[in-house]
Protein backbone atom coordinates (compact mmCIF):
# COMPACT_ATOMS: atom_id res chain seq x y z
CA MET A 1 -56.13 -30.20 -55.19
CA LYS A 2 -53.30 -32.59 -54.31
CA ILE A 3 -50.35 -31.15 -52.38
CA THR A 4 -46.85 -32.60 -52.55
CA LEU A 5 -43.93 -31.54 -50.38
CA LYS A 6 -40.53 -32.83 -51.47
CA ASN A 7 -37.57 -32.76 -49.08
CA ILE A 8 -38.62 -29.49 -47.47
CA THR A 9 -36.18 -27.92 -45.04
CA LYS A 10 -36.60 -24.55 -43.35
CA LYS A 11 -33.83 -22.87 -41.38
CA PHE A 12 -34.09 -19.68 -39.33
CA GLY A 13 -30.45 -18.80 -38.81
CA SER A 14 -28.86 -21.80 -37.11
CA THR A 15 -32.26 -23.20 -36.05
CA ILE A 16 -33.76 -25.95 -38.24
CA ALA A 17 -37.55 -25.59 -37.92
CA VAL A 18 -38.41 -28.27 -40.51
CA LYS A 19 -35.98 -30.95 -41.71
CA ASP A 20 -36.21 -32.98 -44.95
CA PHE A 21 -40.01 -33.12 -44.81
CA SER A 22 -41.74 -35.09 -47.61
CA CYS A 23 -45.39 -36.08 -47.92
CA GLU A 24 -48.34 -36.14 -50.29
CA LEU A 25 -51.70 -34.71 -49.20
CA ALA A 26 -54.70 -36.16 -51.00
CA ASP A 27 -57.11 -34.03 -53.02
CA GLY A 28 -60.36 -33.20 -51.22
CA HIS A 29 -59.26 -34.54 -47.83
CA LEU A 30 -59.02 -32.92 -44.41
CA ILE A 31 -55.50 -33.52 -43.16
CA CYS A 32 -54.40 -32.60 -39.65
CA VAL A 33 -50.77 -31.61 -39.00
CA LEU A 34 -50.35 -32.55 -35.36
CA GLY A 35 -47.55 -32.20 -32.84
CA PRO A 36 -46.30 -30.44 -29.72
CA SER A 37 -45.49 -26.72 -29.64
CA GLY A 38 -42.36 -25.87 -31.60
CA CYS A 39 -42.40 -29.02 -33.75
CA GLY A 40 -42.64 -27.07 -37.05
CA LYS A 41 -46.29 -27.56 -37.95
CA SER A 42 -47.12 -23.85 -38.31
CA THR A 43 -43.93 -23.39 -40.34
CA ILE A 44 -45.23 -26.05 -42.76
CA LEU A 45 -48.50 -24.12 -43.06
CA ASN A 46 -46.67 -20.82 -43.63
CA MET A 47 -44.62 -22.41 -46.41
CA LEU A 48 -47.76 -23.81 -48.03
CA CYS A 49 -49.40 -20.39 -48.12
CA GLY A 50 -46.20 -18.63 -49.29
CA ILE A 51 -45.60 -16.42 -46.26
CA VAL A 52 -42.35 -18.31 -45.62
CA GLN A 53 -40.02 -19.66 -48.31
CA PRO A 54 -38.39 -23.07 -47.76
CA THR A 55 -34.60 -23.12 -47.49
CA GLU A 56 -34.52 -26.35 -49.48
CA GLY A 57 -37.05 -28.53 -51.30
CA GLN A 58 -40.14 -28.03 -53.45
CA ILE A 59 -43.90 -27.59 -53.00
CA PHE A 60 -46.35 -28.72 -55.70
CA PHE A 61 -50.08 -28.02 -56.02
CA ASP A 62 -51.13 -30.86 -58.32
CA ASP A 63 -48.26 -30.79 -60.83
CA GLU A 64 -47.46 -27.07 -60.52
CA ASP A 65 -44.32 -26.07 -58.67
CA VAL A 66 -45.47 -23.22 -56.38
CA THR A 67 -42.36 -23.08 -54.21
CA LYS A 68 -41.54 -19.49 -55.16
CA LEU A 69 -45.04 -18.23 -55.92
CA PRO A 70 -46.29 -15.33 -53.71
CA PRO A 71 -49.38 -15.98 -51.55
CA ASP A 72 -51.79 -14.07 -53.80
CA GLN A 73 -51.02 -16.42 -56.71
CA ARG A 74 -51.62 -19.68 -54.85
CA ASN A 75 -55.47 -19.59 -54.63
CA ILE A 76 -55.57 -20.50 -50.95
CA GLY A 77 -57.85 -19.56 -48.08
CA MET A 78 -56.34 -19.01 -44.62
CA VAL A 79 -58.02 -19.13 -41.20
CA PHE A 80 -55.88 -17.80 -38.37
CA GLN A 81 -55.91 -18.55 -34.63
CA ASN A 82 -57.13 -15.02 -33.77
CA TYR A 83 -59.70 -14.81 -36.67
CA ALA A 84 -58.27 -11.40 -37.79
CA LEU A 85 -61.68 -9.89 -38.62
CA TYR A 86 -61.90 -6.19 -39.43
CA PRO A 87 -63.70 -4.55 -36.47
CA HIS A 88 -65.10 -1.63 -38.52
CA LEU A 89 -66.74 -3.90 -41.12
CA THR A 90 -69.99 -5.81 -40.80
CA VAL A 91 -70.12 -9.58 -41.14
CA LEU A 92 -71.24 -9.21 -44.76
CA GLU A 93 -68.41 -6.79 -45.50
CA ASN A 94 -65.83 -8.97 -43.75
CA ILE A 95 -66.85 -12.05 -45.72
CA SER A 96 -66.90 -10.22 -49.03
CA PHE A 97 -63.62 -8.32 -48.47
CA PRO A 98 -61.37 -10.78 -50.43
CA LEU A 99 -63.65 -10.29 -53.44
CA GLU A 100 -63.44 -6.52 -53.04
CA ILE A 101 -59.65 -6.80 -53.27
CA LYS A 102 -60.17 -8.68 -56.54
CA LYS A 103 -62.35 -5.82 -57.85
CA VAL A 104 -65.49 -7.98 -58.01
CA PRO A 105 -68.59 -5.76 -58.43
CA LYS A 106 -70.39 -5.00 -55.14
CA LYS A 107 -73.64 -6.75 -56.01
CA GLU A 108 -71.86 -9.91 -57.16
CA ARG A 109 -69.54 -10.10 -54.15
CA PHE A 110 -72.38 -9.53 -51.68
CA GLU A 111 -74.41 -12.30 -53.33
CA LYS A 112 -71.48 -14.68 -53.07
CA ALA A 113 -70.86 -13.64 -49.45
CA LYS A 114 -74.50 -14.33 -48.55
CA GLU A 115 -74.25 -17.77 -50.16
CA ILE A 116 -71.15 -18.67 -48.13
CA ALA A 117 -72.66 -17.14 -44.96
CA LYS A 118 -75.57 -19.54 -45.29
CA LEU A 119 -73.18 -22.47 -45.66
CA VAL A 120 -71.42 -21.59 -42.37
CA GLN A 121 -74.71 -20.60 -40.69
CA VAL A 122 -74.10 -16.90 -40.07
CA ASP A 123 -76.61 -15.63 -42.66
CA THR A 124 -78.75 -14.10 -39.88
CA LEU A 125 -75.79 -12.04 -38.59
CA LEU A 126 -74.79 -10.16 -41.72
CA LYS A 127 -75.40 -6.66 -40.33
CA ARG A 128 -73.51 -7.21 -37.09
CA TYR A 129 -69.96 -6.16 -36.31
CA PRO A 130 -67.29 -8.57 -34.94
CA ALA A 131 -67.59 -7.13 -31.41
CA GLU A 132 -71.23 -8.19 -31.38
CA LEU A 133 -70.42 -11.85 -32.13
CA SER A 134 -69.50 -14.78 -29.92
CA GLY A 135 -66.19 -16.59 -30.39
CA GLY A 136 -67.86 -19.37 -32.36
CA GLN A 137 -69.66 -16.89 -34.61
CA GLN A 138 -66.40 -15.02 -35.27
CA GLN A 139 -64.80 -18.33 -36.20
CA ARG A 140 -67.56 -19.07 -38.69
CA VAL A 141 -67.16 -15.63 -40.26
CA ALA A 142 -63.41 -16.19 -40.59
CA ILE A 143 -64.03 -19.52 -42.34
CA ALA A 144 -66.60 -17.90 -44.63
CA ARG A 145 -64.13 -15.14 -45.56
CA ALA A 146 -61.53 -17.79 -46.42
CA LEU A 147 -64.01 -19.75 -48.57
CA VAL A 148 -65.67 -16.86 -50.42
CA LYS A 149 -63.01 -16.68 -53.15
CA ASN A 150 -63.44 -20.41 -53.87
CA PRO A 151 -59.91 -21.48 -52.89
CA LYS A 152 -58.41 -24.76 -53.98
CA ILE A 153 -56.79 -25.20 -50.59
CA LEU A 154 -57.98 -24.13 -47.11
CA LEU A 155 -55.29 -23.69 -44.44
CA MET A 156 -56.31 -23.51 -40.75
CA ASP A 157 -53.79 -22.64 -38.03
CA GLU A 158 -54.98 -23.68 -34.52
CA PRO A 159 -58.45 -22.31 -35.38
CA LEU A 160 -60.21 -23.55 -32.23
CA SER A 161 -57.67 -22.79 -29.51
CA ASN A 162 -59.43 -19.59 -28.37
CA LEU A 163 -62.80 -21.27 -27.81
CA ASP A 164 -64.13 -22.90 -24.65
CA ALA A 165 -64.31 -26.71 -24.48
CA ARG A 166 -67.98 -27.14 -25.44
CA LEU A 167 -67.75 -24.68 -28.32
CA ARG A 168 -64.61 -26.40 -29.60
CA LEU A 169 -66.54 -29.66 -29.85
CA GLU A 170 -69.33 -27.92 -31.77
CA MET A 171 -66.93 -26.15 -34.14
CA ARG A 172 -65.02 -29.36 -34.85
CA GLU A 173 -68.17 -30.85 -36.30
CA GLU A 174 -68.98 -27.67 -38.19
CA ILE A 175 -65.54 -27.51 -39.79
CA ARG A 176 -65.86 -31.14 -40.85
CA ARG A 177 -69.35 -30.53 -42.26
CA ILE A 178 -68.21 -27.46 -44.21
CA GLN A 179 -65.16 -29.30 -45.59
CA LEU A 180 -67.29 -32.23 -46.75
CA GLU A 181 -69.84 -29.94 -48.39
CA THR A 182 -67.23 -27.85 -50.22
CA GLY A 183 -64.79 -30.67 -50.97
CA VAL A 184 -61.87 -28.25 -50.57
CA THR A 185 -58.50 -29.77 -49.62
CA THR A 186 -58.00 -28.64 -46.01
CA ILE A 187 -54.84 -28.58 -43.88
CA PHE A 188 -55.68 -28.20 -40.19
CA VAL A 189 -52.82 -27.47 -37.76
CA THR A 190 -53.37 -28.37 -34.11
CA HIS A 191 -51.53 -29.60 -30.99
CA ASP A 192 -54.73 -31.27 -29.72
CA GLN A 193 -54.69 -34.98 -30.51
CA GLU A 194 -58.39 -35.46 -29.73
CA GLU A 195 -59.23 -32.66 -32.15
CA ALA A 196 -57.09 -34.20 -34.87
CA MET A 197 -58.41 -37.73 -34.38
CA SER A 198 -62.05 -36.64 -34.36
CA ILE A 199 -62.26 -34.75 -37.66
CA SER A 200 -59.38 -35.70 -39.96
CA ASP A 201 -59.18 -38.06 -42.90
CA SER A 202 -55.52 -38.52 -42.05
CA ILE A 203 -52.90 -37.20 -39.62
CA ILE A 204 -49.30 -36.08 -40.03
CA LEU A 205 -47.56 -36.25 -36.65
CA MET A 206 -44.43 -34.11 -36.23
CA LYS A 207 -41.68 -33.74 -33.64
CA ASP A 208 -38.63 -31.47 -33.72
CA GLY A 209 -39.21 -30.53 -37.35
CA LEU A 210 -39.46 -34.15 -38.51
CA LEU A 211 -42.37 -36.15 -39.86
CA ILE A 212 -42.65 -39.04 -37.39
CA GLN A 213 -45.66 -40.91 -38.77
CA GLU A 214 -48.57 -40.27 -41.15
CA GLY A 215 -51.76 -42.16 -41.88
CA LEU A 216 -55.30 -42.72 -40.67
CA SER A 217 -55.90 -41.69 -37.07
CA GLN A 218 -56.86 -45.23 -36.04
CA ASP A 219 -53.67 -46.59 -37.60
CA LEU A 220 -51.47 -44.15 -35.68
CA TYR A 221 -53.34 -45.02 -32.50
CA ASN A 222 -53.37 -48.82 -32.96
CA LYS A 223 -50.06 -49.20 -34.85
CA PRO A 224 -47.63 -46.48 -33.67
CA ASN A 225 -44.19 -46.82 -35.23
CA CYS A 226 -42.42 -45.53 -32.11
CA ASN A 227 -43.04 -44.71 -28.47
CA PHE A 228 -43.47 -40.96 -29.19
CA VAL A 229 -46.56 -41.69 -31.32
CA ALA A 230 -47.98 -44.09 -28.74
CA GLU A 231 -47.47 -41.57 -25.93
CA PHE A 232 -48.72 -38.51 -27.85
CA LEU A 233 -52.04 -40.09 -28.89
CA GLY A 234 -54.60 -41.22 -26.36
CA ASN A 235 -56.52 -39.81 -23.43
CA PRO A 236 -56.08 -41.05 -20.77
CA PRO A 237 -52.45 -41.49 -21.86
CA ILE A 238 -50.77 -44.82 -22.41
CA ASN A 239 -49.17 -46.52 -19.37
CA LYS A 240 -45.36 -46.60 -19.47
CA ILE A 241 -44.31 -49.67 -17.49
CA LYS A 242 -41.28 -49.03 -15.31
CA ASN A 243 -40.58 -52.70 -14.49
CA SER A 244 -40.87 -53.81 -18.11
CA LYS A 245 -38.27 -56.59 -17.82
CA GLU A 246 -40.16 -58.18 -14.92
CA LEU A 247 -43.45 -57.96 -16.86
CA ILE A 248 -41.91 -59.43 -20.03
CA ASN A 249 -40.47 -62.31 -18.02
CA SER A 250 -43.88 -62.92 -16.43
CA LEU A 251 -45.62 -62.92 -19.84
CA ASN A 252 -43.04 -65.32 -21.19
CA ASN A 253 -43.94 -67.73 -18.37
CA ASN A 254 -47.71 -67.32 -18.03
CA LYS A 255 -48.62 -67.08 -21.75
CA LEU A 256 -51.37 -64.49 -21.17
CA LEU A 257 -50.77 -63.16 -24.71
CA PRO A 258 -50.25 -65.39 -27.76
CA TYR A 259 -46.79 -64.06 -28.58
CA ASP A 260 -43.23 -65.28 -28.19
CA PHE A 261 -41.70 -63.06 -25.50
CA SER A 262 -38.47 -65.04 -25.17
CA LYS A 263 -36.71 -62.88 -27.78
CA PHE A 264 -37.21 -59.81 -25.55
CA LEU A 265 -35.56 -61.24 -22.45
CA ASP A 266 -31.87 -60.65 -23.20
CA GLU A 267 -31.82 -57.04 -24.40
CA GLU A 268 -33.27 -53.74 -23.21
CA TYR A 269 -36.94 -53.36 -24.15
CA PHE A 270 -39.80 -51.48 -22.55
CA VAL A 271 -43.55 -52.03 -22.50
CA GLU A 272 -46.39 -49.50 -22.89
CA ILE A 273 -50.04 -50.48 -22.47
CA ARG A 274 -53.17 -48.48 -23.32
CA PRO A 275 -55.74 -48.27 -20.50
CA GLU A 276 -58.42 -50.06 -22.53
CA CYS A 277 -56.06 -53.02 -23.12
CA PHE A 278 -56.48 -54.30 -19.56
CA ARG A 279 -59.34 -56.62 -18.67
CA ILE A 280 -60.53 -58.56 -15.65
CA SER A 281 -59.56 -62.22 -15.96
CA SER A 282 -60.76 -65.55 -14.60
CA LEU A 283 -57.48 -67.28 -15.47
CA GLN A 284 -55.53 -68.68 -12.54
CA ASN A 285 -52.21 -67.49 -14.01
CA ALA A 286 -53.44 -63.91 -14.56
CA ILE A 287 -51.65 -60.98 -12.91
CA LYS A 288 -52.83 -60.02 -9.45
CA CYS A 289 -53.48 -56.27 -8.97
CA LYS A 290 -54.97 -54.10 -6.25
CA VAL A 291 -57.39 -51.20 -6.82
CA LEU A 292 -55.74 -48.00 -5.55
CA ARG A 293 -58.36 -45.45 -6.58
CA ILE A 294 -61.24 -44.90 -8.98
CA SER A 295 -62.20 -41.75 -10.90
CA GLN A 296 -64.71 -40.75 -13.53
CA MET A 297 -63.75 -39.20 -16.87
CA GLY A 298 -66.95 -38.53 -18.81
CA LYS A 299 -68.64 -41.88 -19.38
CA GLU A 300 -65.45 -43.81 -18.63
CA GLU A 301 -64.57 -45.13 -15.18
CA LEU A 302 -60.83 -45.00 -14.69
CA VAL A 303 -59.45 -47.63 -12.35
CA TYR A 304 -55.96 -47.06 -10.98
CA LEU A 305 -54.20 -50.34 -10.13
CA GLU A 306 -51.02 -51.39 -8.40
CA PHE A 307 -49.24 -53.20 -11.22
CA PHE A 308 -45.69 -54.54 -10.92
CA GLY A 309 -44.86 -51.98 -8.24
CA GLN A 310 -46.34 -48.92 -9.94
CA GLU A 311 -49.69 -47.22 -10.41
CA ILE A 312 -51.30 -47.68 -13.83
CA CYS A 313 -54.62 -46.51 -15.29
CA ALA A 314 -57.08 -49.07 -16.69
CA ILE A 315 -60.50 -48.85 -18.31
CA LEU A 316 -62.19 -52.10 -17.29
CA GLN A 317 -65.41 -53.37 -18.80
CA THR A 318 -67.22 -54.97 -15.86
CA GLU A 319 -70.61 -55.08 -14.20
CA GLU A 320 -69.18 -55.79 -10.75
CA ASP A 321 -68.67 -53.06 -8.19
CA LEU A 322 -65.03 -52.13 -7.80
CA GLU A 323 -63.78 -50.73 -4.51
CA VAL A 324 -60.46 -49.31 -3.34
CA GLY A 325 -58.35 -52.09 -1.87
CA LYS A 326 -60.04 -54.86 -3.83
CA GLU A 327 -57.74 -57.39 -5.51
CA LEU A 328 -58.32 -58.30 -9.18
CA LEU A 329 -56.89 -60.76 -11.63
CA ILE A 330 -55.86 -58.95 -14.83
CA ASP A 331 -54.87 -60.02 -18.31
CA PHE A 332 -54.75 -58.19 -21.66
CA LYS A 333 -56.47 -57.71 -24.96
CA GLN A 334 -54.09 -57.98 -27.91
CA ARG A 335 -54.76 -54.46 -29.18
CA GLY A 336 -53.01 -51.72 -27.25
CA PHE A 337 -50.05 -53.72 -25.94
CA PHE A 338 -46.69 -52.50 -27.31
CA ILE A 339 -43.00 -53.33 -26.85
CA PHE A 340 -40.31 -50.83 -27.94
CA ASP A 341 -36.56 -51.17 -28.10
CA LYS A 342 -34.22 -48.80 -26.26
CA ASN A 343 -34.40 -46.34 -29.21
CA GLY A 344 -38.20 -46.26 -29.08
CA LYS A 345 -38.84 -48.32 -32.22
CA LEU A 346 -41.92 -50.55 -32.16
CA GLN A 347 -41.22 -54.30 -32.03
CA GLU A 348 -43.38 -56.75 -33.93
CA LEU A 349 -45.21 -59.20 -31.69
CA LYS A 350 -45.79 -62.64 -33.19
């Protein structure tokens, strides 16, 4: 089911939680609503499910205006952060409970619950109670309960935040697998950019109640429309260059990148560079840097360099041994190098 939000605004007293929010969410896709705490992403989810009414604007499911419909008439499934399982019911009874509310006969609802339990891989746990389950198992039961009534839309509010790091990775893949198998349009709210980038078809990035940028995760990462997007996405984070004017002047002279930097000399601009954009150079006019420290992050070796009077982080592809104190010549790949104006708007490099 396609979802359309038109000029949605939500006010709580004098506080504007969401402001003039418009977007279209594609049928059958997994869309992540991403942003820092307090940006309005959970408010968007609550308006989609009908718990909260928008102050202004309209919500459409396909071509139906559902703005004022109550939750029970929207045919949605909801997975909460705390799972909200009934402790006195077994796994089978928890999963089948939404069908019991709909007065579905016991035999039929248990058969449907068992079918969904198999999909989410808890079919061997049907007689257990929530207290006897691990966090990941409880999460699977919560997803099964949301899916059992065959919803047209699945809404997930920070569903992995209570799990440990390894289990979060596992459940990311499981949620993606389940979504692909069911084909249900899924809205996944998270503040974790790695989570969003790893499982989504597309991302909506919010800040202060506003939609800042939407699109494919790789497009937001490689083509951010402002410095907030560039800084929010990426781990290790992008390097914000303090002496940007000095760097821009150097690039205008040494031609290490095939762009015209002369237009950025007279006004106030600043540079941000992703760690993987740096590379070791053999060019005589490359920038001289000194290795300050080296650390390991998973399979990546992070090299911290003295660069125009500040410490920056680089991921350098090299077979040579790098040591603290060693001097290197550095230039740049074209991807991952950004210039923003004083208002944070991305500048086109050409």
